Amino acid sequence: PPLVTGAQIGDSGTGLHLALGIVAALYQRNSTG
């Protein structure tokens, strides 16, 4: 059957993606205000 992995790619993986998005938004705010 299909299997899920022990690595938390859904929860922790998404958290890592969101952190990158936040840092990018902070950087863009420097120019847009």
PDB file of all heavy atoms in Angstrom:
ATOM      1  N   PRO A   1       0.823  -1.207   0.000  1.00  0.00           N
ATOM      2  CA  PRO A   1       0.000   0.000   0.000  1.00  0.00           C
ATOM      3  C   PRO A   1       0.863   1.267   0.000  1.00  0.00           C
ATOM      4  O   PRO A   1       2.072   1.200   0.243  1.00  0.00           O
ATOM      5  CB  PRO A   1      -0.777  -0.114   1.312  1.00  0.00           C
ATOM      6  CG  PRO A   1       0.176  -0.840   2.214  1.00  0.00           C
ATOM      7  CD  PRO A   1       0.865  -1.842   1.328  1.00  0.00           C
ATOM      8  N   PRO A   2       0.252   2.414  -0.252  1.00  0.00           N
ATOM      9  CA  PRO A   2       0.983   3.676  -0.104  1.00  0.00           C
ATOM     10  C   PRO A   2       1.481   3.810   1.334  1.00  0.00           C
ATOM     11  O   PRO A   2       0.847   3.334   2.267  1.00  0.00           O
ATOM     12  CB  PRO A   2      -0.067   4.745  -0.419  1.00  0.00           C
ATOM     13  CG  PRO A   2      -1.133   4.037  -1.187  1.00  0.00           C
ATOM     14  CD  PRO A   2      -1.145   2.631  -0.669  1.00  0.00           C
ATOM     15  N   LEU A   3       2.631   4.485   1.508  1.00  0.00           N
ATOM     16  CA  LEU A   3       3.208   4.651   2.834  1.00  0.00           C
ATOM     17  C   LEU A   3       3.528   6.119   3.103  1.00  0.00           C
ATOM     18  O   LEU A   3       3.892   6.853   2.189  1.00  0.00           O
ATOM     19  CB  LEU A   3       4.501   3.834   2.968  1.00  0.00           C
ATOM     20  CG  LEU A   3       4.387   2.314   2.959  1.00  0.00           C
ATOM     21  CD1 LEU A   3       5.781   1.694   3.039  1.00  0.00           C
ATOM     22  CD2 LEU A   3       3.524   1.827   4.118  1.00  0.00           C
ATOM     23  N   VAL A   4       3.403   6.516   4.364  1.00  0.00           N
ATOM     24  CA  VAL A   4       3.866   7.841   4.759  1.00  0.00           C
ATOM     25  C   VAL A   4       5.280   7.697   5.313  1.00  0.00           C
ATOM     26  O   VAL A   4       5.662   6.649   5.832  1.00  0.00           O
ATOM     27  CB  VAL A   4       2.949   8.486   5.818  1.00  0.00           C
ATOM     28  CG1 VAL A   4       1.579   8.756   5.230  1.00  0.00           C
ATOM     29  CG2 VAL A   4       2.833   7.615   7.067  1.00  0.00           C
ATOM     30  N   THR A   5       6.060   8.736   5.192  1.00  0.00           N
ATOM     31  CA  THR A   5       7.436   8.705   5.656  1.00  0.00           C
ATOM     32  C   THR A   5       7.534   9.167   7.102  1.00  0.00           C
ATOM     33  O   THR A   5       6.681   9.925   7.583  1.00  0.00           O
ATOM     34  CB  THR A   5       8.320   9.606   4.772  1.00  0.00           C
ATOM     35  OG1 THR A   5       9.646   9.663   5.328  1.00  0.00           O
ATOM     36  CG2 THR A   5       7.782  11.019   4.721  1.00  0.00           C
ATOM     37  N   GLY A   6       8.583   8.715   7.804  1.00  0.00           N
ATOM     38  CA  GLY A   6       8.791   9.146   9.179  1.00  0.00           C
ATOM     39  C   GLY A   6       9.212  10.601   9.273  1.00  0.00           C
ATOM     40  O   GLY A   6       9.022  11.239  10.309  1.00  0.00           O
ATOM     41  N   ALA A   7       9.799  11.138   8.218  1.00  0.00           N
ATOM     42  CA  ALA A   7      10.179  12.550   8.200  1.00  0.00           C
ATOM     43  C   ALA A   7       8.921  13.405   8.108  1.00  0.00           C
ATOM     44  O   ALA A   7       8.023  13.117   7.319  1.00  0.00           O
ATOM     45  CB  ALA A   7      11.103  12.827   7.018  1.00  0.00           C
ATOM     46  N   GLN A   8       8.855  14.457   8.905  1.00  0.00           N
ATOM     47  CA  GLN A   8       7.654  15.288   8.954  1.00  0.00           C
ATOM     48  C   GLN A   8       7.687  16.341   7.839  1.00  0.00           C
ATOM     49  O   GLN A   8       7.788  17.547   8.072  1.00  0.00           O
ATOM     50  CB  GLN A   8       7.556  15.955  10.319  1.00  0.00           C
ATOM     51  CG  GLN A   8       7.543  14.969  11.476  1.00  0.00           C
ATOM     52  CD  GLN A   8       6.273  14.127  11.513  1.00  0.00           C
ATOM     53  OE1 GLN A   8       5.222  14.573  11.939  1.00  0.00           O
ATOM     54  NE2 GLN A   8       6.365  12.891  11.040  1.00  0.00           N
ATOM     55  N   ILE A   9       7.574  15.852   6.607  1.00  0.00           N
ATOM     56  CA  ILE A   9       7.691  16.751   5.465  1.00  0.00           C
ATOM     57  C   ILE A   9       6.450  17.632   5.308  1.00  0.00           C
ATOM     58  O   ILE A   9       6.513  18.686   4.683  1.00  0.00           O
ATOM     59  CB  ILE A   9       7.962  15.979   4.161  1.00  0.00           C
ATOM     60  CG1 ILE A   9       6.820  15.003   3.840  1.00  0.00           C
ATOM     61  CG2 ILE A   9       9.281  15.227   4.260  1.00  0.00           C
ATOM     62  CD1 ILE A   9       6.980  14.309   2.498  1.00  0.00           C
ATOM     63  N   GLY A  10       5.324  17.203   5.879  1.00  0.00           N
ATOM     64  CA  GLY A  10       4.115  18.016   5.801  1.00  0.00           C
ATOM     65  C   GLY A  10       4.140  19.151   6.799  1.00  0.00           C
ATOM     66  O   GLY A  10       3.967  20.319   6.441  1.00  0.00           O
ATOM     67  N   ASP A  11       4.376  18.847   8.061  1.00  0.00           N
ATOM     68  CA  ASP A  11       4.394  19.866   9.109  1.00  0.00           C
ATOM     69  C   ASP A  11       5.693  20.669   9.111  1.00  0.00           C
ATOM     70  O   ASP A  11       5.713  21.853   8.799  1.00  0.00           O
ATOM     71  CB  ASP A  11       4.179  19.219  10.477  1.00  0.00           C
ATOM     72  CG  ASP A  11       2.711  18.986  10.794  1.00  0.00           C
ATOM     73  OD1 ASP A  11       1.885  19.815  10.382  1.00  0.00           O
ATOM     74  OD2 ASP A  11       2.390  17.989  11.446  1.00  0.00           O
ATOM     75  N   SER A  12       6.784  20.023   9.479  1.00  0.00           N
ATOM     76  CA  SER A  12       8.054  20.741   9.555  1.00  0.00           C
ATOM     77  C   SER A  12       8.500  21.235   8.182  1.00  0.00           C
ATOM     78  O   SER A  12       9.062  22.322   8.060  1.00  0.00           O
ATOM     79  CB  SER A  12       9.128  19.845  10.174  1.00  0.00           C
ATOM     80  OG  SER A  12       8.902  19.674  11.561  1.00  0.00           O
ATOM     81  N   GLY A  13       8.243  20.443   7.153  1.00  0.00           N
ATOM     82  CA  GLY A  13       8.603  20.878   5.799  1.00  0.00           C
ATOM     83  C   GLY A  13       7.897  22.166   5.411  1.00  0.00           C
ATOM     84  O   GLY A  13       8.494  23.073   4.824  1.00  0.00           O
ATOM     85  N   THR A  14       6.615  22.270   5.740  1.00  0.00           N
ATOM     86  CA  THR A  14       5.878  23.491   5.427  1.00  0.00           C
ATOM     87  C   THR A  14       6.359  24.657   6.278  1.00  0.00           C
ATOM     88  O   THR A  14       6.454  25.789   5.803  1.00  0.00           O
ATOM     89  CB  THR A  14       4.369  23.268   5.646  1.00  0.00           C
ATOM     90  OG1 THR A  14       3.939  22.153   4.855  1.00  0.00           O
ATOM     91  CG2 THR A  14       3.572  24.498   5.231  1.00  0.00           C
ATOM     92  N   GLY A  15       6.697  24.388   7.540  1.00  0.00           N
ATOM     93  CA  GLY A  15       7.238  25.444   8.385  1.00  0.00           C
ATOM     94  C   GLY A  15       8.507  26.042   7.819  1.00  0.00           C
ATOM     95  O   GLY A  15       8.716  27.266   7.867  1.00  0.00           O
ATOM     96  N   LEU A  16       9.364  25.199   7.257  1.00  0.00           N
ATOM     97  CA  LEU A  16      10.595  25.688   6.643  1.00  0.00           C
ATOM     98  C   LEU A  16      10.287  26.531   5.408  1.00  0.00           C
ATOM     99  O   LEU A  16      10.916  27.574   5.176  1.00  0.00           O
ATOM    100  CB  LEU A  16      11.495  24.515   6.266  1.00  0.00           C
ATOM    101  CG  LEU A  16      12.007  23.666   7.431  1.00  0.00           C
ATOM    102  CD1 LEU A  16      12.752  22.443   6.918  1.00  0.00           C
ATOM    103  CD2 LEU A  16      12.917  24.485   8.337  1.00  0.00           C
ATOM    104  N   HIS A  17       9.320  26.100   4.608  1.00  0.00           N
ATOM    105  CA  HIS A  17       8.909  26.894   3.446  1.00  0.00           C
ATOM    106  C   HIS A  17       8.383  28.264   3.885  1.00  0.00           C
ATOM    107  O   HIS A  17       8.701  29.299   3.285  1.00  0.00           O
ATOM    108  CB  HIS A  17       7.823  26.161   2.653  1.00  0.00           C
ATOM    109  CG  HIS A  17       8.328  25.056   1.779  1.00  0.00           C
ATOM    110  ND1 HIS A  17       8.604  23.796   2.245  1.00  0.00           N
ATOM    111  CD2 HIS A  17       8.600  25.022   0.455  1.00  0.00           C
ATOM    112  CE1 HIS A  17       9.023  23.021   1.248  1.00  0.00           C
ATOM    113  NE2 HIS A  17       9.027  23.755   0.150  1.00  0.00           N
ATOM    114  N   LEU A  18       7.559  28.270   4.941  1.00  0.00           N
ATOM    115  CA  LEU A  18       6.975  29.526   5.405  1.00  0.00           C
ATOM    116  C   LEU A  18       8.059  30.472   5.913  1.00  0.00           C
ATOM    117  O   LEU A  18       7.986  31.686   5.676  1.00  0.00           O
ATOM    118  CB  LEU A  18       5.950  29.258   6.507  1.00  0.00           C
ATOM    119  CG  LEU A  18       5.139  30.491   6.950  1.00  0.00           C
ATOM    120  CD1 LEU A  18       4.239  30.977   5.817  1.00  0.00           C
ATOM    121  CD2 LEU A  18       4.300  30.185   8.187  1.00  0.00           C
ATOM    122  N   ALA A  19       9.056  29.944   6.602  1.00  0.00           N
ATOM    123  CA  ALA A  19      10.139  30.796   7.101  1.00  0.00           C
ATOM    124  C   ALA A  19      10.853  31.495   5.952  1.00  0.00           C
ATOM    125  O   ALA A  19      11.188  32.687   6.047  1.00  0.00           O
ATOM    126  CB  ALA A  19      11.122  29.955   7.917  1.00  0.00           C
ATOM    127  N   LEU A  20      11.073  30.783   4.871  1.00  0.00           N
ATOM    128  CA  LEU A  20      11.707  31.396   3.703  1.00  0.00           C
ATOM    129  C   LEU A  20      10.822  32.496   3.128  1.00  0.00           C
ATOM    130  O   LEU A  20      11.304  33.581   2.763  1.00  0.00           O
ATOM    131  CB  LEU A  20      11.994  30.333   2.640  1.00  0.00           C
ATOM    132  CG  LEU A  20      12.572  30.835   1.323  1.00  0.00           C
ATOM    133  CD1 LEU A  20      13.892  31.561   1.553  1.00  0.00           C
ATOM    134  CD2 LEU A  20      12.773  29.679   0.345  1.00  0.00           C
ATOM    135  N   GLY A  21       9.504  32.230   3.066  1.00  0.00           N
ATOM    136  CA  GLY A  21       8.584  33.242   2.566  1.00  0.00           C
ATOM    137  C   GLY A  21       8.583  34.499   3.427  1.00  0.00           C
ATOM    138  O   GLY A  21       8.516  35.628   2.923  1.00  0.00           O
ATOM    139  N   ILE A  22       8.674  34.321   4.742  1.00  0.00           N
ATOM    140  CA  ILE A  22       8.691  35.458   5.661  1.00  0.00           C
ATOM    141  C   ILE A  22       9.950  36.297   5.458  1.00  0.00           C
ATOM    142  O   ILE A  22       9.891  37.535   5.385  1.00  0.00           O
ATOM    143  CB  ILE A  22       8.602  34.967   7.120  1.00  0.00           C
ATOM    144  CG1 ILE A  22       7.192  34.428   7.404  1.00  0.00           C
ATOM    145  CG2 ILE A  22       8.953  36.077   8.099  1.00  0.00           C
ATOM    146  CD1 ILE A  22       7.078  33.693   8.721  1.00  0.00           C
ATOM    147  N   VAL A  23      11.091  35.642   5.363  1.00  0.00           N
ATOM    148  CA  VAL A  23      12.345  36.378   5.165  1.00  0.00           C
ATOM    149  C   VAL A  23      12.309  37.127   3.836  1.00  0.00           C
ATOM    150  O   VAL A  23      12.770  38.277   3.745  1.00  0.00           O
ATOM    151  CB  VAL A  23      13.543  35.409   5.228  1.00  0.00           C
ATOM    152  CG1 VAL A  23      14.831  36.117   4.823  1.00  0.00           C
ATOM    153  CG2 VAL A  23      13.692  34.837   6.640  1.00  0.00           C
ATOM    154  N   ALA A  24      11.737  36.508   2.788  1.00  0.00           N
ATOM    155  CA  ALA A  24      11.618  37.190   1.499  1.00  0.00           C
ATOM    156  C   ALA A  24      10.705  38.411   1.612  1.00  0.00           C
ATOM    157  O   ALA A  24      10.993  39.479   1.047  1.00  0.00           O
ATOM    158  CB  ALA A  24      11.078  36.220   0.441  1.00  0.00           C
ATOM    159  N   ALA A  25       9.592  38.271   2.350  1.00  0.00           N
ATOM    160  CA  ALA A  25       8.666  39.397   2.527  1.00  0.00           C
ATOM    161  C   ALA A  25       9.312  40.529   3.330  1.00  0.00           C
ATOM    162  O   ALA A  25       9.090  41.713   3.050  1.00  0.00           O
ATOM    163  CB  ALA A  25       7.387  38.917   3.212  1.00  0.00           C
ATOM    164  N   LEU A  26      10.100  40.169   4.342  1.00  0.00           N
ATOM    165  CA  LEU A  26      10.821  41.192   5.110  1.00  0.00           C
ATOM    166  C   LEU A  26      11.804  41.939   4.225  1.00  0.00           C
ATOM    167  O   LEU A  26      11.940  43.165   4.314  1.00  0.00           O
ATOM    168  CB  LEU A  26      11.563  40.538   6.277  1.00  0.00           C
ATOM    169  CG  LEU A  26      10.721  40.108   7.479  1.00  0.00           C
ATOM    170  CD1 LEU A  26      11.539  39.219   8.413  1.00  0.00           C
ATOM    171  CD2 LEU A  26      10.183  41.321   8.236  1.00  0.00           C
ATOM    172  N   TYR A  27      12.476  41.218   3.357  1.00  0.00           N
ATOM    173  CA  TYR A  27      13.439  41.852   2.454  1.00  0.00           C
ATOM    174  C   TYR A  27      12.720  42.783   1.475  1.00  0.00           C
ATOM    175  O   TYR A  27      13.167  43.912   1.235  1.00  0.00           O
ATOM    176  CB  TYR A  27      14.219  40.779   1.695  1.00  0.00           C
ATOM    177  CG  TYR A  27      15.331  41.335   0.833  1.00  0.00           C
ATOM    178  CD1 TYR A  27      16.553  41.679   1.407  1.00  0.00           C
ATOM    179  CD2 TYR A  27      15.165  41.516  -0.530  1.00  0.00           C
ATOM    180  CE1 TYR A  27      17.579  42.191   0.631  1.00  0.00           C
ATOM    181  CE2 TYR A  27      16.183  42.029  -1.313  1.00  0.00           C
ATOM    182  CZ  TYR A  27      17.395  42.364  -0.732  1.00  0.00           C
ATOM    183  OH  TYR A  27      18.406  42.875  -1.507  1.00  0.00           O
ATOM    184  N   GLN A  28      11.587  42.325   0.918  1.00  0.00           N
ATOM    185  CA  GLN A  28      10.851  43.162  -0.028  1.00  0.00           C
ATOM    186  C   GLN A  28      10.297  44.405   0.658  1.00  0.00           C
ATOM    187  O   GLN A  28      10.213  45.476   0.052  1.00  0.00           O
ATOM    188  CB  GLN A  28       9.719  42.366  -0.677  1.00  0.00           C
ATOM    189  CG  GLN A  28       9.001  43.141  -1.787  1.00  0.00           C
ATOM    190  CD  GLN A  28       7.937  42.318  -2.484  1.00  0.00           C
ATOM    191  OE1 GLN A  28       7.462  41.327  -1.956  1.00  0.00           O
ATOM    192  NE2 GLN A  28       7.571  42.728  -3.690  1.00  0.00           N
ATOM    193  N   ARG A  29       9.955  44.279   1.932  1.00  0.00           N
ATOM    194  CA  ARG A  29       9.431  45.439   2.666  1.00  0.00           C
ATOM    195  C   ARG A  29      10.449  46.572   2.751  1.00  0.00           C
ATOM    196  O   ARG A  29      10.078  47.746   2.872  1.00  0.00           O
ATOM    197  CB  ARG A  29       9.005  44.993   4.066  1.00  0.00           C
ATOM    198  CG  ARG A  29       8.145  46.008   4.803  1.00  0.00           C
ATOM    199  CD  ARG A  29       7.756  45.516   6.185  1.00  0.00           C
ATOM    200  NE  ARG A  29       8.902  45.453   7.097  1.00  0.00           N
ATOM    201  CZ  ARG A  29       8.815  45.141   8.385  1.00  0.00           C
ATOM    202  NH1 ARG A  29       7.632  44.830   8.909  1.00  0.00           N
ATOM    203  NH2 ARG A  29       9.886  45.107   9.143  1.00  0.00           N
ATOM    204  N   ASN A  30      11.723  46.225   2.676  1.00  0.00           N
ATOM    205  CA  ASN A  30      12.745  47.262   2.698  1.00  0.00           C
ATOM    206  C   ASN A  30      12.598  48.239   1.545  1.00  0.00           C
ATOM    207  O   ASN A  30      12.938  49.424   1.667  1.00  0.00           O
ATOM    208  CB  ASN A  30      14.144  46.636   2.650  1.00  0.00           C
ATOM    209  CG  ASN A  30      14.500  45.901   3.928  1.00  0.00           C
ATOM    210  OD1 ASN A  30      13.998  46.242   5.000  1.00  0.00           O
ATOM    211  ND2 ASN A  30      15.359  44.898   3.822  1.00  0.00           N
ATOM    212  N   SER A  31      12.082  47.755   0.423  1.00  0.00           N
ATOM    213  CA  SER A  31      11.925  48.628  -0.744  1.00  0.00           C
ATOM    214  C   SER A  31      10.511  49.163  -0.903  1.00  0.00           C
ATOM    215  O   SER A  31      10.315  50.277  -1.394  1.00  0.00           O
ATOM    216  CB  SER A  31      12.338  47.878  -2.018  1.00  0.00           C
ATOM    217  OG  SER A  31      11.559  46.702  -2.190  1.00  0.00           O
ATOM    218  N   THR A  32       9.495  48.397  -0.458  1.00  0.00           N
ATOM    219  CA  THR A  32       8.109  48.838  -0.644  1.00  0.00           C
ATOM    220  C   THR A  32       7.570  49.588   0.561  1.00  0.00           C
ATOM    221  O   THR A  32       6.645  50.388   0.439  1.00  0.00           O
ATOM    222  CB  THR A  32       7.190  47.639  -0.923  1.00  0.00           C
ATOM    223  OG1 THR A  32       7.138  46.800   0.244  1.00  0.00           O
ATOM    224  CG2 THR A  32       7.690  46.827  -2.115  1.00  0.00           C
ATOM    225  N   GLY A  33       8.096  49.282   1.744  1.00  0.00           N
ATOM    226  CA  GLY A  33       7.611  49.909   2.969  1.00  0.00           C
ATOM    227  C   GLY A  33       6.314  49.331   3.493  1.00  0.00           C
ATOM    228  O   GLY A  33       5.768  49.834   4.483  1.00  0.00           O
TER     229      GLY A  33
END
